[in-house]
Amino acid sequence: MGRAIQALALLAIFGLCVLGFLATYEYSETAKRLPWQLGYGALGLVCLSAAATALRRR
């Protein structure tokens, strides 16, 4: 039960990272949006892989 709650929390953070990544396209200059896109993308991938690991059977 604890792993499922952990995975749900991580998936919620992943969803926020997707929204943040998409919101960076409001910047017109690539130099301003690229660091944000890299940050949101990296954090999103970490959360997604951690959620998958939490849900994996032992």
C-alpha atoms as a PDB file:
ATOM      1  CA  MET A   1       0.000   0.000   0.000  1.00  0.00           C
ATOM      2  CA  GLY A   2       2.848   2.383   0.797  1.00  0.00           C
ATOM      3  CA  ARG A   3       4.529   1.823  -2.540  1.00  0.00           C
ATOM      4  CA  ALA A   4       1.291   2.630  -4.361  1.00  0.00           C
ATOM      5  CA  ILE A   5       0.944   5.937  -2.524  1.00  0.00           C
ATOM      6  CA  GLN A   6       4.571   6.742  -3.282  1.00  0.00           C
ATOM      7  CA  ALA A   7       4.027   5.949  -6.968  1.00  0.00           C
ATOM      8  CA  LEU A   8       0.910   8.151  -7.095  1.00  0.00           C
ATOM      9  CA  ALA A   9       2.810  11.056  -5.563  1.00  0.00           C
ATOM     10  CA  LEU A  10       5.628  10.620  -8.072  1.00  0.00           C
ATOM     11  CA  LEU A  11       3.174  10.441 -10.962  1.00  0.00           C
ATOM     12  CA  ALA A  12       1.543  13.662  -9.758  1.00  0.00           C
ATOM     13  CA  ILE A  13       4.935  15.382  -9.792  1.00  0.00           C
ATOM     14  CA  PHE A  14       5.547  13.933 -13.263  1.00  0.00           C
ATOM     15  CA  GLY A  15       2.275  15.468 -14.451  1.00  0.00           C
ATOM     16  CA  LEU A  16       3.319  18.857 -13.111  1.00  0.00           C
ATOM     17  CA  CYS A  17       6.634  18.504 -14.916  1.00  0.00           C
ATOM     18  CA  VAL A  18       4.815  17.849 -18.187  1.00  0.00           C
ATOM     19  CA  LEU A  19       2.713  20.979 -17.679  1.00  0.00           C
ATOM     20  CA  GLY A  20       5.798  22.994 -16.770  1.00  0.00           C
ATOM     21  CA  PHE A  21       7.646  21.733 -19.832  1.00  0.00           C
ATOM     22  CA  LEU A  22       4.778  22.765 -22.071  1.00  0.00           C
ATOM     23  CA  ALA A  23       4.518  26.154 -20.362  1.00  0.00           C
ATOM     24  CA  THR A  24       8.128  26.938 -21.257  1.00  0.00           C
ATOM     25  CA  TYR A  25       7.086  27.364 -24.878  1.00  0.00           C
ATOM     26  CA  GLU A  26       5.592  30.720 -23.874  1.00  0.00           C
ATOM     27  CA  TYR A  27       9.139  32.119 -23.870  1.00  0.00           C
ATOM     28  CA  SER A  28      10.085  33.423 -27.281  1.00  0.00           C
ATOM     29  CA  GLU A  29      13.840  33.075 -26.824  1.00  0.00           C
ATOM     30  CA  THR A  30      15.408  29.633 -26.848  1.00  0.00           C
ATOM     31  CA  ALA A  31      18.104  30.714 -24.403  1.00  0.00           C
ATOM     32  CA  LYS A  32      15.465  31.451 -21.772  1.00  0.00           C
ATOM     33  CA  ARG A  33      13.397  28.303 -22.174  1.00  0.00           C
ATOM     34  CA  LEU A  34      16.096  25.663 -22.682  1.00  0.00           C
ATOM     35  CA  PRO A  35      17.279  25.497 -19.040  1.00  0.00           C
ATOM     36  CA  TRP A  36      13.686  25.202 -17.850  1.00  0.00           C
ATOM     37  CA  GLN A  37      12.936  22.487 -20.402  1.00  0.00           C
ATOM     38  CA  LEU A  38      16.020  20.540 -19.362  1.00  0.00           C
ATOM     39  CA  GLY A  39      15.099  20.839 -15.696  1.00  0.00           C
ATOM     40  CA  TYR A  40      11.478  19.840 -16.145  1.00  0.00           C
ATOM     41  CA  GLY A  41      12.449  17.016 -18.492  1.00  0.00           C
ATOM     42  CA  ALA A  42      15.092  15.607 -16.159  1.00  0.00           C
ATOM     43  CA  LEU A  43      12.888  15.805 -13.074  1.00  0.00           C
ATOM     44  CA  GLY A  44       9.988  14.268 -14.975  1.00  0.00           C
ATOM     45  CA  LEU A  45      12.060  11.327 -16.160  1.00  0.00           C
ATOM     46  CA  VAL A  46      13.437  10.739 -12.665  1.00  0.00           C
ATOM     47  CA  CYS A  47       9.932  10.751 -11.179  1.00  0.00           C
ATOM     48  CA  LEU A  48       8.597   8.451 -13.890  1.00  0.00           C
ATOM     49  CA  SER A  49      11.399   5.927 -13.442  1.00  0.00           C
ATOM     50  CA  ALA A  50      11.085   6.083  -9.640  1.00  0.00           C
ATOM     51  CA  ALA A  51       7.340   5.441  -9.893  1.00  0.00           C
ATOM     52  CA  ALA A  52       7.962   2.469 -12.168  1.00  0.00           C
ATOM     53  CA  THR A  53      10.531   1.129  -9.724  1.00  0.00           C
ATOM     54  CA  ALA A  54       8.131   1.584  -6.802  1.00  0.00           C
ATOM     55  CA  LEU A  55       5.413  -0.346  -8.592  1.00  0.00           C
ATOM     56  CA  ARG A  56       7.687  -3.192  -9.683  1.00  0.00           C
ATOM     57  CA  ARG A  57       7.055  -6.404  -7.800  1.00  0.00           C
ATOM     58  CA  ARG A  58       9.784  -7.677  -5.521  1.00  0.00           C
END
